[in-house]
Amino acid sequence: MNAEKRYEIFARLKAENPNPTTELKWTSPFELLVAVLLSAQATDVGVNKAMVKLFPVANTPQGIVDLGLDGLKEHIKTIGLYNTKANNLMKTCHLLLEKHAGEVPRRREDLEALPGVGRKTANVILNTAFGEPTIAVDTHIFRVANRTGIAKGKNVTEVERKLLRHVPRKFLHDAHHWLILHGRYTCVARKPRCGSCIIEDLCEYPEKTELA
């Protein structure tokens, strides 16, 4: 895919949704960290429902620690893999209190050192909470990048590297959200809705459908 086509793709995505953001509900970097950490193999809707109950009770590292592991599990038990996620979140909160004065760090290395926080989660925090031009490649972005031809790669790291290189600078900050939303609602896994896609004529996917 050439640079002109990539530019037009993101120009159209921006025109359709000028201010994209995560569908997770959050009001602080810590709330976002908690939501993203809990969202692995879970829906944003499901995570939001649990956070509505958790955050009024505990929305700081100290608040989570004070809640205790059993109390935390009780609040997030509707989320898949909640036992493992609760353990990771509790360990993360202790580290935030011990090493970062209870604040979410802004350095990738510090974020990735937190239990349950990998590169993808770190990228979400850096981009959404702190405005860094990063791209967190999840299954949606991996699919869209490969299917359209925007940035083909055999693994998420390769796709991330190519996106950072090829996405026009003026669109880089919001590219993460545009691609996720496009993959979630239009360029879906089984039967992409090519008939209602605003970038269908630019997409290089050879097996386009007519589904709207």
C-alpha atoms as a PDB file:
ATOM      1  CA  MET A   1       0.000   0.000   0.000  1.00  0.00           C
ATOM      2  CA  ASN A   2       1.371   3.416  -0.942  1.00  0.00           C
ATOM      3  CA  ALA A   3       1.579   6.469   1.292  1.00  0.00           C
ATOM      4  CA  GLU A   4      -1.185   8.366  -0.540  1.00  0.00           C
ATOM      5  CA  LYS A   5      -3.668   5.568   0.014  1.00  0.00           C
ATOM      6  CA  ARG A   6      -2.789   5.286   3.707  1.00  0.00           C
ATOM      7  CA  TYR A   7      -3.221   9.036   4.127  1.00  0.00           C
ATOM      8  CA  GLU A   8      -6.668   8.940   2.525  1.00  0.00           C
ATOM      9  CA  ILE A   9      -7.741   6.016   4.717  1.00  0.00           C
ATOM     10  CA  PHE A  10      -6.948   7.876   7.916  1.00  0.00           C
ATOM     11  CA  ALA A  11      -8.348  11.142   6.561  1.00  0.00           C
ATOM     12  CA  ARG A  12     -11.677   9.406   6.030  1.00  0.00           C
ATOM     13  CA  LEU A  13     -11.614   7.719   9.430  1.00  0.00           C
ATOM     14  CA  LYS A  14     -10.900  11.088  11.026  1.00  0.00           C
ATOM     15  CA  ALA A  15     -13.697  12.798   9.101  1.00  0.00           C
ATOM     16  CA  GLU A  16     -16.165  10.164  10.289  1.00  0.00           C
ATOM     17  CA  ASN A  17     -14.962  10.234  13.921  1.00  0.00           C
ATOM     18  CA  PRO A  18     -12.863  13.339  14.700  1.00  0.00           C
ATOM     19  CA  ASN A  19     -12.268  12.569  18.386  1.00  0.00           C
ATOM     20  CA  PRO A  20     -12.092   8.811  18.904  1.00  0.00           C
ATOM     21  CA  THR A  21     -11.390   7.303  22.297  1.00  0.00           C
ATOM     22  CA  THR A  22     -11.577   4.053  24.190  1.00  0.00           C
ATOM     23  CA  GLU A  23     -14.984   2.628  25.032  1.00  0.00           C
ATOM     24  CA  LEU A  24     -13.737   1.843  28.527  1.00  0.00           C
ATOM     25  CA  LYS A  25     -15.030   4.282  31.148  1.00  0.00           C
ATOM     26  CA  TRP A  26     -12.328   6.038  33.173  1.00  0.00           C
ATOM     27  CA  THR A  27     -11.592   9.362  34.848  1.00  0.00           C
ATOM     28  CA  SER A  28      -7.939   8.948  35.869  1.00  0.00           C
ATOM     29  CA  PRO A  29      -4.854   7.132  34.595  1.00  0.00           C
ATOM     30  CA  PHE A  30      -5.233   4.615  37.408  1.00  0.00           C
ATOM     31  CA  GLU A  31      -8.856   3.881  36.521  1.00  0.00           C
ATOM     32  CA  LEU A  32      -7.808   3.361  32.912  1.00  0.00           C
ATOM     33  CA  LEU A  33      -4.980   1.053  34.001  1.00  0.00           C
ATOM     34  CA  VAL A  34      -7.413  -1.032  36.051  1.00  0.00           C
ATOM     35  CA  ALA A  35      -9.956  -1.206  33.240  1.00  0.00           C
ATOM     36  CA  VAL A  36      -7.408  -2.196  30.605  1.00  0.00           C
ATOM     37  CA  LEU A  37      -5.782  -4.761  32.891  1.00  0.00           C
ATOM     38  CA  LEU A  38      -9.195  -6.347  33.476  1.00  0.00           C
ATOM     39  CA  SER A  39     -10.277  -6.177  29.830  1.00  0.00           C
ATOM     40  CA  ALA A  40      -8.119  -9.041  28.516  1.00  0.00           C
ATOM     41  CA  GLN A  41     -10.440 -11.666  27.012  1.00  0.00           C
ATOM     42  CA  ALA A  42     -13.417  -9.629  28.189  1.00  0.00           C
ATOM     43  CA  THR A  43     -15.697  -7.073  26.559  1.00  0.00           C
ATOM     44  CA  ASP A  44     -15.473  -3.362  27.284  1.00  0.00           C
ATOM     45  CA  VAL A  45     -19.174  -3.450  28.168  1.00  0.00           C
ATOM     46  CA  GLY A  46     -18.601  -6.169  30.746  1.00  0.00           C
ATOM     47  CA  VAL A  47     -15.613  -4.364  32.250  1.00  0.00           C
ATOM     48  CA  ASN A  48     -17.529  -1.077  32.445  1.00  0.00           C
ATOM     49  CA  LYS A  49     -20.369  -2.760  34.329  1.00  0.00           C
ATOM     50  CA  ALA A  50     -17.933  -4.057  36.928  1.00  0.00           C
ATOM     51  CA  MET A  51     -16.083  -0.739  37.187  1.00  0.00           C
ATOM     52  CA  VAL A  52     -19.325   1.109  37.906  1.00  0.00           C
ATOM     53  CA  LYS A  53     -19.468  -0.901  41.142  1.00  0.00           C
ATOM     54  CA  LEU A  54     -15.740  -0.949  41.923  1.00  0.00           C
ATOM     55  CA  PHE A  55     -14.624   2.641  41.349  1.00  0.00           C
ATOM     56  CA  PRO A  56     -17.049   4.334  43.788  1.00  0.00           C
ATOM     57  CA  VAL A  57     -15.592   2.048  46.466  1.00  0.00           C
ATOM     58  CA  ALA A  58     -11.945   1.943  45.387  1.00  0.00           C
ATOM     59  CA  ASN A  59     -10.392   3.945  42.538  1.00  0.00           C
ATOM     60  CA  THR A  60      -6.846   4.412  43.857  1.00  0.00           C
ATOM     61  CA  PRO A  61      -4.046   1.930  44.544  1.00  0.00           C
ATOM     62  CA  GLN A  62      -4.520   2.391  48.286  1.00  0.00           C
ATOM     63  CA  GLY A  63      -8.255   1.923  47.919  1.00  0.00           C
ATOM     64  CA  ILE A  64      -7.758  -1.396  46.129  1.00  0.00           C
ATOM     65  CA  VAL A  65      -5.252  -2.550  48.747  1.00  0.00           C
ATOM     66  CA  ASP A  66      -7.643  -1.588  51.534  1.00  0.00           C
ATOM     67  CA  LEU A  67     -10.399  -3.537  49.816  1.00  0.00           C
ATOM     68  CA  GLY A  68      -8.361  -6.712  50.159  1.00  0.00           C
ATOM     69  CA  LEU A  69      -8.023  -9.524  47.664  1.00  0.00           C
ATOM     70  CA  ASP A  70     -11.339 -11.176  48.535  1.00  0.00           C
ATOM     71  CA  GLY A  71     -13.136  -7.850  48.420  1.00  0.00           C
ATOM     72  CA  LEU A  72     -11.610  -7.054  45.042  1.00  0.00           C
ATOM     73  CA  LYS A  73     -12.623 -10.436  43.648  1.00  0.00           C
ATOM     74  CA  GLU A  74     -16.177  -9.879  44.815  1.00  0.00           C
ATOM     75  CA  HIS A  75     -16.361  -6.667  42.777  1.00  0.00           C
ATOM     76  CA  ILE A  76     -14.884  -8.116  39.563  1.00  0.00           C
ATOM     77  CA  LYS A  77     -16.156 -11.705  39.634  1.00  0.00           C
ATOM     78  CA  THR A  78     -18.355 -11.074  36.589  1.00  0.00           C
ATOM     79  CA  ILE A  79     -15.211 -10.607  34.468  1.00  0.00           C
ATOM     80  CA  GLY A  80     -13.481 -13.598  32.889  1.00  0.00           C
ATOM     81  CA  LEU A  81     -10.290 -14.835  34.587  1.00  0.00           C
ATOM     82  CA  TYR A  82     -11.095 -12.621  37.562  1.00  0.00           C
ATOM     83  CA  ASN A  83      -8.981 -14.604  40.034  1.00  0.00           C
ATOM     84  CA  THR A  84      -5.772 -14.119  38.058  1.00  0.00           C
ATOM     85  CA  LYS A  85      -6.651 -10.520  37.239  1.00  0.00           C
ATOM     86  CA  ALA A  86      -7.399  -9.724  40.883  1.00  0.00           C
ATOM     87  CA  ASN A  87      -4.037 -11.129  41.964  1.00  0.00           C
ATOM     88  CA  ASN A  88      -2.197  -9.125  39.301  1.00  0.00           C
ATOM     89  CA  LEU A  89      -4.093  -5.944  40.103  1.00  0.00           C
ATOM     90  CA  MET A  90      -3.398  -6.266  43.823  1.00  0.00           C
ATOM     91  CA  LYS A  91       0.324  -6.796  43.172  1.00  0.00           C
ATOM     92  CA  THR A  92       0.307  -3.840  40.782  1.00  0.00           C
ATOM     93  CA  CYS A  93      -1.284  -1.593  43.403  1.00  0.00           C
ATOM     94  CA  HIS A  94       1.340  -2.551  45.976  1.00  0.00           C
ATOM     95  CA  LEU A  95       4.104  -1.732  43.463  1.00  0.00           C
ATOM     96  CA  LEU A  96       2.508   1.601  42.570  1.00  0.00           C
ATOM     97  CA  LEU A  97       2.446   2.529  46.257  1.00  0.00           C
ATOM     98  CA  GLU A  98       5.965   1.264  46.968  1.00  0.00           C
ATOM     99  CA  LYS A  99       7.785   2.567  43.880  1.00  0.00           C
ATOM    100  CA  HIS A 100       5.663   5.309  42.303  1.00  0.00           C
ATOM    101  CA  ALA A 101       3.985   7.136  45.191  1.00  0.00           C
ATOM    102  CA  GLY A 102       0.643   5.702  44.143  1.00  0.00           C
ATOM    103  CA  GLU A 103       0.815   7.248  40.665  1.00  0.00           C
ATOM    104  CA  VAL A 104       0.706   5.506  37.290  1.00  0.00           C
ATOM    105  CA  PRO A 105       4.195   5.839  35.752  1.00  0.00           C
ATOM    106  CA  ARG A 106       4.645   7.450  32.341  1.00  0.00           C
ATOM    107  CA  ARG A 107       7.663   5.372  31.291  1.00  0.00           C
ATOM    108  CA  ARG A 108       7.074   2.238  29.236  1.00  0.00           C
ATOM    109  CA  GLU A 109       9.663   0.271  31.207  1.00  0.00           C
ATOM    110  CA  ASP A 110       7.925   1.066  34.498  1.00  0.00           C
ATOM    111  CA  LEU A 111       4.496   0.207  33.125  1.00  0.00           C
ATOM    112  CA  GLU A 112       5.619  -3.115  31.677  1.00  0.00           C
ATOM    113  CA  ALA A 113       7.187  -4.020  35.035  1.00  0.00           C
ATOM    114  CA  LEU A 114       3.721  -4.042  36.630  1.00  0.00           C
ATOM    115  CA  PRO A 115       2.096  -7.499  37.035  1.00  0.00           C
ATOM    116  CA  GLY A 116      -0.421  -8.185  34.292  1.00  0.00           C
ATOM    117  CA  VAL A 117       0.747  -5.239  32.194  1.00  0.00           C
ATOM    118  CA  GLY A 118       2.306  -6.148  28.863  1.00  0.00           C
ATOM    119  CA  ARG A 119       3.311  -4.044  25.903  1.00  0.00           C
ATOM    120  CA  LYS A 120      -0.250  -3.700  24.601  1.00  0.00           C
ATOM    121  CA  THR A 121      -1.603  -2.434  27.928  1.00  0.00           C
ATOM    122  CA  ALA A 122       1.363  -0.086  28.324  1.00  0.00           C
ATOM    123  CA  ASN A 123       0.688   1.345  24.872  1.00  0.00           C
ATOM    124  CA  VAL A 124      -2.970   1.960  25.729  1.00  0.00           C
ATOM    125  CA  ILE A 125      -2.000   3.852  28.891  1.00  0.00           C
ATOM    126  CA  LEU A 126       0.716   5.866  27.149  1.00  0.00           C
ATOM    127  CA  ASN A 127      -1.605   6.794  24.292  1.00  0.00           C
ATOM    128  CA  THR A 128      -4.961   7.303  25.975  1.00  0.00           C
ATOM    129  CA  ALA A 129      -3.975   8.605  29.407  1.00  0.00           C
ATOM    130  CA  PHE A 130      -0.784  10.478  28.515  1.00  0.00           C
ATOM    131  CA  GLY A 131      -1.231  11.399  24.853  1.00  0.00           C
ATOM    132  CA  GLU A 132       1.796   9.545  23.516  1.00  0.00           C
ATOM    133  CA  PRO A 133       1.698   8.572  19.789  1.00  0.00           C
ATOM    134  CA  THR A 134       1.718   4.822  20.391  1.00  0.00           C
ATOM    135  CA  ILE A 135      -0.388   2.030  18.914  1.00  0.00           C
ATOM    136  CA  ALA A 136      -1.552  -0.928  20.990  1.00  0.00           C
ATOM    137  CA  VAL A 137      -2.044  -3.793  18.554  1.00  0.00           C
ATOM    138  CA  ASP A 138      -4.905  -6.021  19.681  1.00  0.00           C
ATOM    139  CA  THR A 139      -6.736  -8.656  17.623  1.00  0.00           C
ATOM    140  CA  HIS A 140      -8.865  -5.995  15.890  1.00  0.00           C
ATOM    141  CA  ILE A 141      -5.924  -3.839  14.843  1.00  0.00           C
ATOM    142  CA  PHE A 142      -3.879  -6.878  13.807  1.00  0.00           C
ATOM    143  CA  ARG A 143      -6.732  -8.025  11.560  1.00  0.00           C
ATOM    144  CA  VAL A 144      -7.478  -4.621  10.044  1.00  0.00           C
ATOM    145  CA  ALA A 145      -3.828  -3.770   9.413  1.00  0.00           C
ATOM    146  CA  ASN A 146      -3.211  -7.071   7.634  1.00  0.00           C
ATOM    147  CA  ARG A 147      -6.523  -7.323   5.812  1.00  0.00           C
ATOM    148  CA  THR A 148      -6.514  -3.802   4.398  1.00  0.00           C
ATOM    149  CA  GLY A 149      -2.800  -3.791   3.625  1.00  0.00           C
ATOM    150  CA  ILE A 150      -2.089  -0.754   5.809  1.00  0.00           C
ATOM    151  CA  ALA A 151       0.608  -2.630   7.699  1.00  0.00           C
ATOM    152  CA  LYS A 152       1.053  -6.337   7.114  1.00  0.00           C
ATOM    153  CA  GLY A 153       2.926  -8.390   9.682  1.00  0.00           C
ATOM    154  CA  LYS A 154       3.187 -11.925  11.021  1.00  0.00           C
ATOM    155  CA  ASN A 155       2.880 -10.873  14.667  1.00  0.00           C
ATOM    156  CA  VAL A 156       1.657  -7.928  16.735  1.00  0.00           C
ATOM    157  CA  THR A 157       5.143  -6.497  17.231  1.00  0.00           C
ATOM    158  CA  GLU A 158       5.800  -6.397  13.490  1.00  0.00           C
ATOM    159  CA  VAL A 159       2.409  -4.789  12.823  1.00  0.00           C
ATOM    160  CA  GLU A 160       3.011  -2.203  15.555  1.00  0.00           C
ATOM    161  CA  ARG A 161       6.436  -1.339  14.137  1.00  0.00           C
ATOM    162  CA  LYS A 162       5.056  -0.936  10.618  1.00  0.00           C
ATOM    163  CA  LEU A 163       2.097   1.146  11.756  1.00  0.00           C
ATOM    164  CA  LEU A 164       4.366   3.504  13.658  1.00  0.00           C
ATOM    165  CA  ARG A 165       6.463   3.855  10.521  1.00  0.00           C
ATOM    166  CA  HIS A 166       3.676   4.171   7.950  1.00  0.00           C
ATOM    167  CA  VAL A 167       0.775   6.004   9.631  1.00  0.00           C
ATOM    168  CA  PRO A 168       1.030   9.701   8.745  1.00  0.00           C
ATOM    169  CA  ARG A 169       2.265  11.676  11.731  1.00  0.00           C
ATOM    170  CA  LYS A 170      -0.826  13.896  11.955  1.00  0.00           C
ATOM    171  CA  PHE A 171      -3.024  10.802  12.440  1.00  0.00           C
ATOM    172  CA  LEU A 172      -0.727   8.788  14.685  1.00  0.00           C
ATOM    173  CA  HIS A 173      -2.171   9.795  18.051  1.00  0.00           C
ATOM    174  CA  ASP A 174      -5.706   8.619  17.194  1.00  0.00           C
ATOM    175  CA  ALA A 175      -4.874   5.770  14.798  1.00  0.00           C
ATOM    176  CA  HIS A 176      -5.084   3.226  17.613  1.00  0.00           C
ATOM    177  CA  HIS A 177      -8.738   4.045  18.321  1.00  0.00           C
ATOM    178  CA  TRP A 178      -9.819   4.383  14.691  1.00  0.00           C
ATOM    179  CA  LEU A 179      -8.424   0.965  13.820  1.00  0.00           C
ATOM    180  CA  ILE A 180      -9.919  -0.743  16.869  1.00  0.00           C
ATOM    181  CA  LEU A 181     -13.376   0.709  16.233  1.00  0.00           C
ATOM    182  CA  HIS A 182     -13.156  -0.125  12.542  1.00  0.00           C
ATOM    183  CA  GLY A 183     -12.271  -3.724  13.371  1.00  0.00           C
ATOM    184  CA  ARG A 184     -14.905  -3.998  16.081  1.00  0.00           C
ATOM    185  CA  TYR A 185     -17.850  -2.702  14.064  1.00  0.00           C
ATOM    186  CA  THR A 186     -17.055  -2.818  10.335  1.00  0.00           C
ATOM    187  CA  CYS A 187     -14.035  -4.956   9.454  1.00  0.00           C
ATOM    188  CA  VAL A 188     -15.238  -7.783  11.682  1.00  0.00           C
ATOM    189  CA  ALA A 189     -13.527 -11.154  11.766  1.00  0.00           C
ATOM    190  CA  ARG A 190     -15.859 -13.563  10.011  1.00  0.00           C
ATOM    191  CA  LYS A 191     -17.804 -11.469   7.528  1.00  0.00           C
ATOM    192  CA  PRO A 192     -16.456  -7.943   7.105  1.00  0.00           C
ATOM    193  CA  ARG A 193     -19.148  -5.401   6.301  1.00  0.00           C
ATOM    194  CA  CYS A 194     -17.449  -4.166   3.164  1.00  0.00           C
ATOM    195  CA  GLY A 195     -20.667  -2.803   1.692  1.00  0.00           C
ATOM    196  CA  SER A 196     -20.897  -0.162   4.415  1.00  0.00           C
ATOM    197  CA  CYS A 197     -17.155   0.496   4.780  1.00  0.00           C
ATOM    198  CA  ILE A 198     -15.974   4.049   4.123  1.00  0.00           C
ATOM    199  CA  ILE A 199     -12.546   2.845   2.980  1.00  0.00           C
ATOM    200  CA  GLU A 200     -13.674  -0.113   0.854  1.00  0.00           C
ATOM    201  CA  ASP A 201     -12.292   1.371  -2.369  1.00  0.00           C
ATOM    202  CA  LEU A 202      -8.889   1.896  -0.731  1.00  0.00           C
ATOM    203  CA  CYS A 203      -8.691  -1.454   1.037  1.00  0.00           C
ATOM    204  CA  GLU A 204      -6.544  -4.110  -0.632  1.00  0.00           C
ATOM    205  CA  TYR A 205      -8.399  -7.109   0.828  1.00  0.00           C
ATOM    206  CA  PRO A 206      -9.045  -9.463  -2.112  1.00  0.00           C
ATOM    207  CA  GLU A 207     -12.124 -11.188  -0.663  1.00  0.00           C
ATOM    208  CA  LYS A 208     -14.443  -8.266  -0.108  1.00  0.00           C
ATOM    209  CA  THR A 209     -18.067  -8.936   0.783  1.00  0.00           C
ATOM    210  CA  GLU A 210     -21.179  -6.948  -0.014  1.00  0.00           C
ATOM    211  CA  LEU A 211     -22.538  -7.087   3.529  1.00  0.00           C
ATOM    212  CA  ALA A 212     -23.679  -3.750   4.865  1.00  0.00           C
END
